Amino acid sequence: MILWIILITAVAAAAVTACMGCWVIPVMRRLKYGQTILDIGPKWHKEKKQGTPTMGGLMFFIGVTAAAILGYILLWKNNYISFDIIGTGAALKGISALIMGLCFGFVGFLDDYIKIKKKRNEGLTVIQKIVLQVLIIAAYFTSRVLSGDTSTVINIPFLFQIDLSFFYYILMGLVMLYLVNAVNLSDGIDGLCGSISFIYFLAFVLITANIKLYGMTIVSVAAAGGCLGFLFWNFPPAKVFMGDTGSLFLGGMVVGIGVGSGCEAAMIIAAAVYIWEALTVLIQTTYFKITHGKRLFKMTPIHHSFELRGWKEIKIDAVFSLLAILAGTAAVALSLFSQK
């Protein structure tokens, strides 16, 4: 029965998100909510993508949320979950991940809205975004503690468990902040962020189902289905961009699911492509400052470097997705074998 619930949730998420495009895209065009492309990017981006409707992440908000609610109802009706509060039960862990995604998505919405209104590619300042993101993470950890979930143990499969005590919140807070913005950076070409995220969430469907954390499984499969539905409109050539509304929503879901399920090690492995993307930006920035203007890569995030080498967007999507599949498979295998 649980397999049918997962499938129904996935189909619902994909269908609702895809159908939302029939409404969101025309509305964005009518309101002239198009993307402003920076001159510093590949020149053909400005030529071909300027004015493409953005804020398509709103499609995620509705599609993923609606499917998750449906999945939760089916789980509850079939006695797979209960909505206990003490220790943030299985149901509430998944709900917390969804709320995390929506909160980060709202920050992205503000950023996109300011960009559109001011007709530029700069919305909230870096400091404003970081402050808001830190507050969301702090609120998440506070809610966990207040509900009785005070575990600060990180499990490194096959190696050891370590209780970081108070430092857990500092370390994981920094990891979550990095990953959320790494997901945001991966949204640079048509279909890339949606494809990588689909694979990440699919991996966590398997991981959380294996440990019978079904509330989190439902949220993971809803997110995966939402990515699939969005790719119907975002696959090259994109008819709509997710904007920071969508990429920060996905980033919030990535960390909410990974940390909320207690699978921090698997999260980091499955998120390898995101981490790589953001790391190239940090390396490039550091190298640029140390060498007084020299660049190590043609352009970062690294997917733009491949563009400048002549790779088509579809090829980049395929190669990066393959890397995501390898990372996701490693995370699932680690989780499965460590449970034995």
Protein backbone atom coordinates (compact mmCIF):
# COMPACT_ATOMS: atom_id res chain seq x y z
CA MET A 1 0.00 0.00 0.00
CA ILE A 2 2.83 2.42 0.84
CA LEU A 3 4.16 2.08 -2.71
CA TRP A 4 0.80 3.15 -4.12
CA ILE A 5 0.69 6.17 -1.81
CA ILE A 6 4.17 7.19 -2.96
CA LEU A 7 3.20 6.81 -6.62
CA ILE A 8 -0.05 8.74 -6.20
CA THR A 9 1.82 11.56 -4.44
CA ALA A 10 4.46 11.68 -7.18
CA VAL A 11 1.90 11.81 -9.98
CA ALA A 12 -0.15 14.45 -8.16
CA ALA A 13 2.91 16.66 -7.60
CA ALA A 14 4.05 16.38 -11.22
CA ALA A 15 0.56 16.93 -12.64
CA VAL A 16 -0.37 19.90 -10.45
CA THR A 17 3.01 21.61 -10.95
CA ALA A 18 2.89 21.10 -14.72
CA CYS A 19 -0.72 22.30 -14.92
CA MET A 20 0.16 25.38 -12.87
CA GLY A 21 2.41 26.39 -15.76
CA CYS A 22 -0.68 26.88 -17.93
CA TRP A 23 -1.73 29.65 -15.54
CA VAL A 24 1.54 31.02 -14.10
CA ILE A 25 3.40 31.54 -17.40
CA PRO A 26 0.66 33.59 -19.14
CA VAL A 27 0.17 35.67 -15.97
CA MET A 28 3.90 36.40 -15.72
CA ARG A 29 3.98 37.41 -19.37
CA ARG A 30 0.97 39.65 -18.94
CA LEU A 31 2.55 41.33 -15.91
CA LYS A 32 5.87 41.50 -17.78
CA TYR A 33 7.61 39.59 -14.99
CA GLY A 34 10.54 38.59 -17.14
CA GLN A 35 14.13 37.73 -16.23
CA THR A 36 16.78 40.44 -16.51
CA ILE A 37 20.05 38.87 -17.69
CA LEU A 38 23.43 40.17 -16.51
CA ASP A 39 25.98 41.26 -19.12
CA ILE A 40 28.72 39.32 -17.32
CA GLY A 41 27.20 35.97 -18.30
CA PRO A 42 27.52 34.16 -21.63
CA LYS A 43 26.43 36.72 -24.26
CA TRP A 44 23.84 34.39 -25.81
CA HIS A 45 21.97 34.30 -22.49
CA LYS A 46 21.08 37.97 -22.86
CA GLU A 47 20.18 37.47 -26.51
CA LYS A 48 17.96 34.41 -26.05
CA LYS A 49 16.76 34.42 -22.42
CA GLN A 50 16.11 38.11 -21.70
CA GLY A 51 12.46 38.60 -20.71
CA THR A 52 11.66 34.90 -20.19
CA PRO A 53 8.95 34.67 -17.47
CA THR A 54 10.46 34.05 -14.05
CA MET A 55 9.20 33.27 -10.53
CA GLY A 56 8.07 29.88 -11.85
CA GLY A 57 8.95 28.57 -8.40
CA LEU A 58 5.40 29.50 -7.44
CA MET A 59 4.42 26.39 -9.37
CA PHE A 60 6.45 24.35 -6.84
CA PHE A 61 4.77 26.02 -3.90
CA ILE A 62 1.35 24.85 -4.98
CA GLY A 63 2.20 21.54 -6.64
CA VAL A 64 4.50 20.17 -3.94
CA THR A 65 2.37 21.42 -1.05
CA ALA A 66 -0.87 20.06 -2.50
CA ALA A 67 0.68 16.65 -3.25
CA ALA A 68 2.29 16.45 0.20
CA ILE A 69 -1.08 17.15 1.87
CA LEU A 70 -2.69 14.44 -0.25
CA GLY A 71 0.09 11.99 0.61
CA TYR A 72 -0.21 12.76 4.31
CA ILE A 73 -3.95 12.17 4.26
CA LEU A 74 -3.40 8.79 2.60
CA LEU A 75 -0.68 7.87 5.12
CA TRP A 76 -2.91 8.85 8.04
CA LYS A 77 -5.93 7.00 6.65
CA ASN A 78 -3.84 3.85 6.32
CA ASN A 79 -2.26 4.22 9.79
CA TYR A 80 1.29 4.78 8.57
CA ILE A 81 1.77 7.98 10.57
CA SER A 82 0.43 9.79 13.61
CA PHE A 83 0.70 13.47 14.35
CA ASP A 84 2.43 13.22 17.70
CA ILE A 85 4.31 16.29 18.87
CA ILE A 86 6.80 14.92 21.40
CA GLY A 87 10.15 14.27 19.72
CA THR A 88 8.79 15.61 16.39
CA GLY A 89 7.21 12.40 15.16
CA ALA A 90 7.58 11.10 11.63
CA ALA A 91 4.72 13.22 10.31
CA LEU A 92 5.96 16.46 11.80
CA LYS A 93 9.53 15.94 10.59
CA GLY A 94 8.26 15.96 7.02
CA ILE A 95 6.02 18.94 7.63
CA SER A 96 8.99 20.84 9.09
CA ALA A 97 10.98 20.16 5.90
CA LEU A 98 8.14 21.48 3.76
CA ILE A 99 7.78 24.60 5.91
CA MET A 100 11.55 25.08 5.66
CA GLY A 101 11.28 25.02 1.87
CA LEU A 102 8.37 27.47 1.85
CA CYS A 103 10.20 29.89 4.15
CA PHE A 104 13.32 29.91 2.00
CA GLY A 105 11.11 30.14 -1.08
CA PHE A 106 9.49 33.27 0.36
CA VAL A 107 12.93 34.88 0.70
CA GLY A 108 13.51 34.00 -2.95
CA PHE A 109 10.11 35.47 -3.86
CA LEU A 110 11.07 38.79 -2.24
CA ASP A 111 14.37 38.75 -4.12
CA ASP A 112 12.68 38.05 -7.46
CA TYR A 113 9.97 40.64 -6.88
CA ILE A 114 12.51 43.38 -6.20
CA LYS A 115 14.50 42.41 -9.30
CA ILE A 116 11.39 42.56 -11.47
CA LYS A 117 10.12 45.84 -10.08
CA LYS A 118 13.51 47.54 -10.42
CA LYS A 119 14.22 45.89 -13.80
CA ARG A 120 17.64 44.62 -12.71
CA ASN A 121 19.30 41.36 -11.73
CA GLU A 122 19.94 42.39 -8.13
CA GLY A 123 17.19 42.10 -5.55
CA LEU A 124 17.88 41.67 -1.85
CA THR A 125 21.44 42.40 -0.82
CA VAL A 126 23.73 39.51 0.12
CA ILE A 127 23.59 40.55 3.77
CA GLN A 128 19.78 40.76 3.75
CA LYS A 129 19.50 37.26 2.25
CA ILE A 130 21.99 35.73 4.66
CA VAL A 131 20.31 37.32 7.69
CA LEU A 132 16.89 36.03 6.62
CA GLN A 133 18.29 32.58 5.89
CA VAL A 134 20.07 32.40 9.26
CA LEU A 135 16.83 33.38 11.00
CA ILE A 136 14.96 30.58 9.21
CA ILE A 137 17.60 28.02 10.20
CA ALA A 138 17.60 29.28 13.79
CA ALA A 139 13.80 29.05 13.91
CA TYR A 140 13.97 25.49 12.56
CA PHE A 141 16.40 24.34 15.25
CA THR A 142 14.43 26.18 17.94
CA SER A 143 11.22 24.42 16.92
CA ARG A 144 13.02 21.06 17.07
CA VAL A 145 14.30 21.69 20.58
CA LEU A 146 10.93 22.98 21.82
CA SER A 147 9.21 19.87 20.48
CA GLY A 148 11.61 17.60 22.35
CA ASP A 149 14.00 16.63 19.56
CA THR A 150 17.29 17.55 21.23
CA SER A 151 19.55 15.02 19.51
CA THR A 152 22.89 16.54 18.49
CA VAL A 153 24.46 13.28 17.30
CA ILE A 154 25.86 12.94 13.80
CA ASN A 155 26.12 9.39 12.49
CA ILE A 156 29.00 8.63 10.15
CA PRO A 157 28.03 5.20 8.72
CA PHE A 158 30.58 2.41 9.27
CA LEU A 159 32.84 4.77 11.20
CA PHE A 160 31.46 6.39 14.32
CA GLN A 161 28.82 8.51 15.98
CA ILE A 162 29.74 11.85 17.46
CA ASP A 163 27.73 14.04 19.80
CA LEU A 164 28.60 17.64 19.00
CA SER A 165 26.37 19.08 21.72
CA PHE A 166 25.77 22.82 21.14
CA PHE A 167 28.29 22.89 18.28
CA TYR A 168 25.93 20.68 16.25
CA TYR A 169 23.66 23.68 15.66
CA ILE A 170 26.57 25.88 14.58
CA LEU A 171 28.13 23.29 12.28
CA MET A 172 24.88 22.09 10.70
CA GLY A 173 23.61 25.65 10.46
CA LEU A 174 26.65 26.55 8.35
CA VAL A 175 26.25 23.40 6.24
CA MET A 176 22.58 24.20 5.67
CA LEU A 177 23.38 27.81 4.74
CA TYR A 178 26.02 26.63 2.26
CA LEU A 179 23.78 24.01 0.66
CA VAL A 180 20.75 26.27 0.28
CA ASN A 181 22.83 28.80 -1.63
CA ALA A 182 24.64 26.06 -3.54
CA VAL A 183 21.27 24.87 -4.89
CA ASN A 184 20.53 28.48 -5.83
CA LEU A 185 23.81 28.72 -7.76
CA SER A 186 23.01 25.56 -9.75
CA ASP A 187 20.06 27.37 -11.33
CA GLY A 188 22.02 28.96 -14.15
CA ILE A 189 20.91 27.16 -17.30
CA ASP A 190 17.65 25.63 -18.49
CA GLY A 191 16.71 22.41 -16.73
CA LEU A 192 19.85 22.03 -14.60
CA CYS A 193 18.64 22.75 -11.07
CA GLY A 194 15.38 20.88 -11.65
CA SER A 195 17.18 17.80 -12.98
CA ILE A 196 19.77 17.63 -10.19
CA SER A 197 17.11 18.24 -7.55
CA PHE A 198 14.82 15.55 -8.97
CA ILE A 199 17.61 12.99 -8.55
CA TYR A 200 18.48 14.21 -5.04
CA PHE A 201 14.87 13.94 -3.83
CA LEU A 202 14.45 10.55 -5.48
CA ALA A 203 17.47 9.31 -3.53
CA PHE A 204 15.86 10.48 -0.30
CA VAL A 205 12.60 8.77 -1.19
CA LEU A 206 14.55 5.51 -1.05
CA ILE A 207 16.60 6.48 2.02
CA THR A 208 13.65 7.62 4.15
CA ALA A 209 11.40 4.76 3.03
CA ASN A 210 14.11 2.31 4.07
CA ILE A 211 14.14 3.71 7.63
CA LYS A 212 10.31 3.92 7.59
CA LEU A 213 10.26 7.69 8.00
CA TYR A 214 7.21 7.84 5.76
CA GLY A 215 6.27 11.45 6.44
CA MET A 216 9.64 12.50 5.06
CA THR A 217 9.26 10.03 2.20
CA ILE A 218 6.04 11.75 1.12
CA VAL A 219 7.63 15.19 1.20
CA SER A 220 10.63 13.87 -0.75
CA VAL A 221 8.50 12.27 -3.45
CA ALA A 222 6.29 15.37 -3.67
CA ALA A 223 9.42 17.47 -4.24
CA ALA A 224 10.70 15.01 -6.85
CA GLY A 225 7.36 15.05 -8.65
CA GLY A 226 7.29 18.84 -8.52
CA CYS A 227 10.71 18.98 -10.19
CA LEU A 228 9.49 16.63 -12.92
CA GLY A 229 6.39 18.74 -13.52
CA PHE A 230 8.43 21.92 -13.65
CA LEU A 231 10.92 20.43 -16.12
CA PHE A 232 8.03 20.09 -18.57
CA TRP A 233 8.26 23.88 -18.92
CA ASN A 234 11.91 24.47 -17.97
CA PHE A 235 13.70 21.89 -20.13
CA PRO A 236 15.78 23.61 -22.87
CA PRO A 237 14.62 25.90 -24.32
CA ALA A 238 12.91 27.07 -21.13
CA LYS A 239 9.50 28.71 -21.29
CA VAL A 240 9.80 29.80 -17.67
CA PHE A 241 12.55 30.17 -15.06
CA MET A 242 12.11 29.08 -11.45
CA GLY A 243 13.91 32.19 -10.19
CA ASP A 244 15.19 32.45 -6.64
CA THR A 245 11.60 31.69 -5.63
CA GLY A 246 12.06 28.14 -6.86
CA SER A 247 15.78 27.54 -6.30
CA LEU A 248 15.69 28.70 -2.66
CA PHE A 249 12.52 26.65 -2.11
CA LEU A 250 14.34 23.59 -3.42
CA GLY A 251 17.39 24.47 -1.32
CA GLY A 252 15.24 24.65 1.79
CA MET A 253 13.72 21.27 0.95
CA VAL A 254 17.16 19.74 0.35
CA VAL A 255 18.45 20.67 3.81
CA GLY A 256 15.09 20.18 5.55
CA ILE A 257 14.83 16.61 4.30
CA GLY A 258 18.50 15.75 4.82
CA VAL A 259 18.86 17.14 8.34
CA GLY A 260 15.29 16.37 9.39
CA SER A 261 15.68 12.69 8.55
CA GLY A 262 18.89 12.46 10.58
CA CYS A 263 20.85 11.48 7.48
CA GLU A 264 23.35 14.34 7.38
CA ALA A 265 26.14 12.20 5.89
CA ALA A 266 23.87 10.92 3.11
CA MET A 267 22.69 14.49 2.48
CA ILE A 268 26.23 15.72 1.88
CA ILE A 269 27.02 12.82 -0.45
CA ALA A 270 23.78 13.15 -2.44
CA ALA A 271 24.32 16.92 -2.70
CA ALA A 272 27.81 16.51 -4.21
CA VAL A 273 26.94 18.32 -7.47
CA TYR A 274 25.50 21.31 -5.60
CA ILE A 275 28.59 21.40 -3.38
CA TRP A 276 30.89 21.25 -6.40
CA GLU A 277 29.04 24.11 -8.11
CA ALA A 278 29.34 26.41 -5.10
CA LEU A 279 32.92 25.34 -4.38
CA THR A 280 34.05 26.46 -7.84
CA VAL A 281 32.68 29.93 -7.08
CA LEU A 282 34.61 30.08 -3.79
CA ILE A 283 37.80 28.81 -5.47
CA GLN A 284 37.46 31.28 -8.34
CA THR A 285 36.86 34.22 -6.01
CA THR A 286 39.81 33.30 -3.79
CA TYR A 287 42.14 32.69 -6.74
CA PHE A 288 41.06 35.99 -8.36
CA LYS A 289 41.96 37.93 -5.22
CA ILE A 290 45.25 36.15 -4.56
CA THR A 291 46.48 36.51 -8.16
CA HIS A 292 45.15 40.07 -8.56
CA GLY A 293 42.72 39.41 -11.39
CA LYS A 294 43.58 36.00 -12.85
CA ARG A 295 40.89 33.34 -13.26
CA LEU A 296 41.22 29.61 -12.71
CA PHE A 297 37.98 28.75 -14.56
CA LYS A 298 36.52 30.43 -17.63
CA MET A 299 33.45 31.28 -15.56
CA THR A 300 31.66 30.09 -12.43
CA PRO A 301 29.48 28.40 -11.32
CA ILE A 302 31.26 25.68 -13.26
CA HIS A 303 28.33 24.90 -15.59
CA HIS A 304 28.94 28.29 -17.27
CA SER A 305 32.55 27.30 -17.90
CA PHE A 306 31.35 24.29 -19.88
CA GLU A 307 28.98 26.58 -21.79
CA LEU A 308 31.89 28.79 -22.81
CA ARG A 309 33.69 25.67 -24.00
CA GLY A 310 30.85 25.09 -26.45
CA TRP A 311 28.72 22.56 -24.57
CA LYS A 312 24.99 22.73 -25.25
CA GLU A 313 22.65 23.11 -22.28
CA ILE A 314 21.18 19.65 -22.84
CA LYS A 315 24.67 18.09 -22.73
CA ILE A 316 25.50 19.91 -19.49
CA ASP A 317 22.18 18.81 -17.99
CA ALA A 318 22.87 15.20 -18.99
CA VAL A 319 26.44 15.10 -17.64
CA PHE A 320 25.60 16.86 -14.38
CA SER A 321 22.55 14.63 -13.93
CA LEU A 322 24.74 11.56 -14.41
CA LEU A 323 27.06 12.86 -11.69
CA ALA A 324 24.01 13.46 -9.48
CA ILE A 325 22.84 9.88 -10.11
CA LEU A 326 26.24 8.54 -9.04
CA ALA A 327 26.20 10.70 -5.90
CA GLY A 328 22.60 9.75 -5.12
CA THR A 329 23.32 6.06 -5.64
CA ALA A 330 26.30 6.28 -3.27
CA ALA A 331 24.14 7.99 -0.64
CA VAL A 332 21.40 5.36 -0.94
CA ALA A 333 23.91 2.50 -0.81
CA LEU A 334 25.56 4.00 2.26
CA SER A 335 22.20 4.31 3.97
CA LEU A 336 21.02 0.82 3.04
CA PHE A 337 24.20 -1.02 4.05
CA SER A 338 24.66 0.94 7.25
CA GLN A 339 21.22 -0.23 8.40
CA LYS A 340 22.24 -3.91 8.20
